[in-house]
């Protein structure tokens, strides 16, 4: 799906890294771009419906909030991928998951107050799904880059 016009691009550029923290953020965006608040809301709704925007939300650094995180990889038979993804998505600490072309074909991140909680949840997931080949790869050092796409 391609973007429809330069206004969509301007909205996306504005919300990627500078989403206003105000009581009426869409009005603030509208004022900046010479639009009405209703126009901004409608365009964002359409962009989300069309799969261009996945979500609008904050990203936090887990350890600065007292949490730990890990990247997990699982070896899941092809016929169990959907049910496995449904199972892990029910855990609030799973932030996202994706399929890869690899023997460990489902990867997901898990955030929790402790590594013990993550380990317990991974054991529960394994029991629930029958998938025992799940590895946890906690970071030893984090390198963050800012991913902003100039549209």
Protein backbone atom coordinates (compact mmCIF):
# COMPACT_ATOMS: atom_id res chain seq x y z
CA UNK A 1 0.00 0.00 0.00
CA UNK A 2 1.47 3.34 -0.94
CA UNK A 3 0.78 6.61 0.79
CA UNK A 4 -1.84 8.73 -0.87
CA UNK A 5 -0.21 12.15 -0.70
CA UNK A 6 2.35 14.47 0.84
CA UNK A 7 -0.01 15.24 3.76
CA UNK A 8 0.10 11.58 4.84
CA UNK A 9 3.88 11.72 4.66
CA UNK A 10 3.98 14.95 6.69
CA UNK A 11 1.79 13.39 9.39
CA UNK A 12 3.97 10.27 9.53
CA UNK A 13 7.15 12.33 9.72
CA UNK A 14 5.64 14.37 12.57
CA UNK A 15 4.44 11.44 14.70
CA UNK A 16 7.49 9.18 14.38
CA UNK A 17 9.73 10.98 16.82
CA UNK A 18 7.91 14.11 17.90
CA UNK A 19 4.45 13.00 18.97
CA UNK A 20 3.11 15.87 21.07
CA UNK A 21 2.59 15.19 24.74
CA UNK A 22 -0.37 17.52 25.15
CA UNK A 23 -4.04 17.12 26.11
CA UNK A 24 -4.94 17.32 22.39
CA UNK A 25 -2.00 15.91 20.44
CA UNK A 26 -3.89 15.59 17.15
CA UNK A 27 -4.91 19.24 17.35
CA UNK A 28 -1.27 20.16 17.89
CA UNK A 29 -0.26 18.14 14.81
CA UNK A 30 -3.11 19.72 12.84
CA UNK A 31 -2.00 23.23 13.79
CA UNK A 32 1.58 22.45 12.78
CA UNK A 33 0.48 21.11 9.39
CA UNK A 34 -2.33 23.53 8.57
CA UNK A 35 -5.07 20.90 8.92
CA UNK A 36 -8.05 20.37 11.19
CA UNK A 37 -7.90 17.98 14.09
CA UNK A 38 -10.62 15.85 12.43
CA UNK A 39 -8.54 15.60 9.23
CA UNK A 40 -5.49 14.38 11.17
CA UNK A 41 -7.52 11.82 13.11
CA UNK A 42 -9.20 10.54 9.94
CA UNK A 43 -5.91 10.25 8.06
CA UNK A 44 -4.24 8.40 10.94
CA UNK A 45 -7.25 6.08 11.20
CA UNK A 46 -7.02 5.32 7.47
CA UNK A 47 -3.25 4.79 7.62
CA UNK A 48 -3.75 2.36 10.49
CA UNK A 49 -6.58 0.53 8.68
CA UNK A 50 -4.35 0.15 5.63
CA UNK A 51 -1.49 -1.30 7.67
CA UNK A 52 0.89 1.62 7.22
CA UNK A 53 0.73 2.47 10.93
CA UNK A 54 0.91 -0.52 13.25
CA UNK A 55 0.53 1.35 16.50
CA UNK A 56 1.12 4.69 18.16
CA UNK A 57 2.75 4.41 21.54
CA UNK A 58 5.78 5.14 23.63
CA UNK A 59 8.96 3.07 23.66
CA UNK A 60 10.63 2.68 27.03
CA UNK A 61 14.05 1.41 28.04
CA UNK A 62 13.08 -1.54 30.29
CA UNK A 63 16.08 -1.50 32.65
CA UNK A 64 15.60 2.21 33.41
CA UNK A 65 12.13 1.32 34.70
CA UNK A 66 13.34 -1.65 36.76
CA UNK A 67 12.50 -4.34 34.19
CA UNK A 68 14.58 -6.89 32.33
CA UNK A 69 14.17 -8.02 28.74
CA UNK A 70 15.27 -10.82 26.51
CA UNK A 71 15.04 -11.85 22.90
CA UNK A 72 13.60 -15.34 22.50
CA UNK A 73 13.73 -17.75 19.60
CA UNK A 74 11.60 -20.84 19.16
CA UNK A 75 11.66 -23.77 16.77
CA UNK A 76 7.99 -24.14 15.83
CA UNK A 77 6.56 -26.63 13.31
CA UNK A 78 4.87 -24.88 10.39
CA UNK A 79 1.42 -26.14 11.36
CA UNK A 80 1.74 -24.72 14.90
CA UNK A 81 3.03 -21.22 14.07
CA UNK A 82 -0.33 -19.45 14.38
CA UNK A 83 -1.33 -21.17 17.63
CA UNK A 84 2.14 -20.56 19.09
CA UNK A 85 1.99 -16.86 18.17
CA UNK A 86 -1.50 -16.62 19.71
CA UNK A 87 -0.20 -18.23 22.91
CA UNK A 88 2.79 -15.93 23.34
CA UNK A 89 0.75 -12.86 22.45
CA UNK A 90 -1.43 -13.48 25.50
CA UNK A 91 1.52 -12.62 27.77
CA UNK A 92 1.61 -8.87 28.48
CA UNK A 93 5.42 -8.85 28.54
CA UNK A 94 5.69 -9.97 24.92
CA UNK A 95 6.15 -6.75 22.97
CA UNK A 96 6.30 -8.20 19.46
CA UNK A 97 7.10 -11.33 17.54
CA UNK A 98 7.99 -12.24 13.99
CA UNK A 99 8.68 -15.20 11.76
CA UNK A 100 12.12 -15.82 10.25
CA UNK A 101 13.38 -18.14 7.57
CA UNK A 102 15.52 -20.20 9.97
CA UNK A 103 15.21 -23.38 11.99
CA UNK A 104 14.41 -21.09 14.94
CA UNK A 105 11.56 -19.52 13.04
CA UNK A 106 9.60 -17.53 15.64
CA UNK A 107 11.38 -14.71 17.48
CA UNK A 108 9.88 -12.51 20.19
CA UNK A 109 10.89 -10.07 22.88
CA UNK A 110 9.83 -10.51 26.47
CA UNK A 111 9.92 -7.82 29.18
CA UNK A 112 9.17 -8.49 32.87
CA UNK A 113 10.15 -7.32 36.36
CA UNK A 114 12.66 -10.20 36.66
CA UNK A 115 14.41 -12.84 34.59
CA UNK A 116 12.84 -15.43 36.90
CA UNK A 117 9.37 -14.29 35.76
CA UNK A 118 10.42 -14.52 32.12
CA UNK A 119 11.84 -18.01 32.67
CA UNK A 120 8.62 -19.11 34.40
CA UNK A 121 6.53 -17.68 31.56
CA UNK A 122 8.68 -19.44 28.97
CA UNK A 123 8.16 -22.73 30.83
CA UNK A 124 4.40 -22.06 30.87
CA UNK A 125 4.44 -21.29 27.15
CA UNK A 126 6.33 -24.51 26.50
CA UNK A 127 3.82 -26.56 28.53
CA UNK A 128 0.85 -24.81 26.91
CA UNK A 129 2.05 -25.14 23.32
CA UNK A 130 4.13 -28.30 23.41
CA UNK A 131 7.05 -26.33 21.98
CA UNK A 132 10.10 -27.12 24.09
CA UNK A 133 12.80 -25.67 21.87
CA UNK A 134 12.70 -22.05 23.07
CA UNK A 135 15.89 -20.17 23.81
CA UNK A 136 16.29 -16.93 25.73
CA UNK A 137 18.99 -14.51 24.60
CA UNK A 138 19.25 -11.68 27.15
CA UNK A 139 21.33 -8.74 26.01
CA UNK A 140 24.74 -8.29 27.56
CA UNK A 141 25.11 -4.82 26.09
CA UNK A 142 22.53 -2.66 24.33
CA UNK A 143 23.21 -0.54 21.27
CA UNK A 144 20.27 1.66 20.40
CA UNK A 145 19.77 3.43 17.14
CA UNK A 146 16.98 5.77 16.29
CA UNK A 147 14.89 4.41 13.44
CA UNK A 148 13.21 7.35 11.77
CA UNK A 149 12.14 7.20 8.16
CA UNK A 150 12.03 10.52 6.36
CA UNK A 151 8.97 10.23 4.16
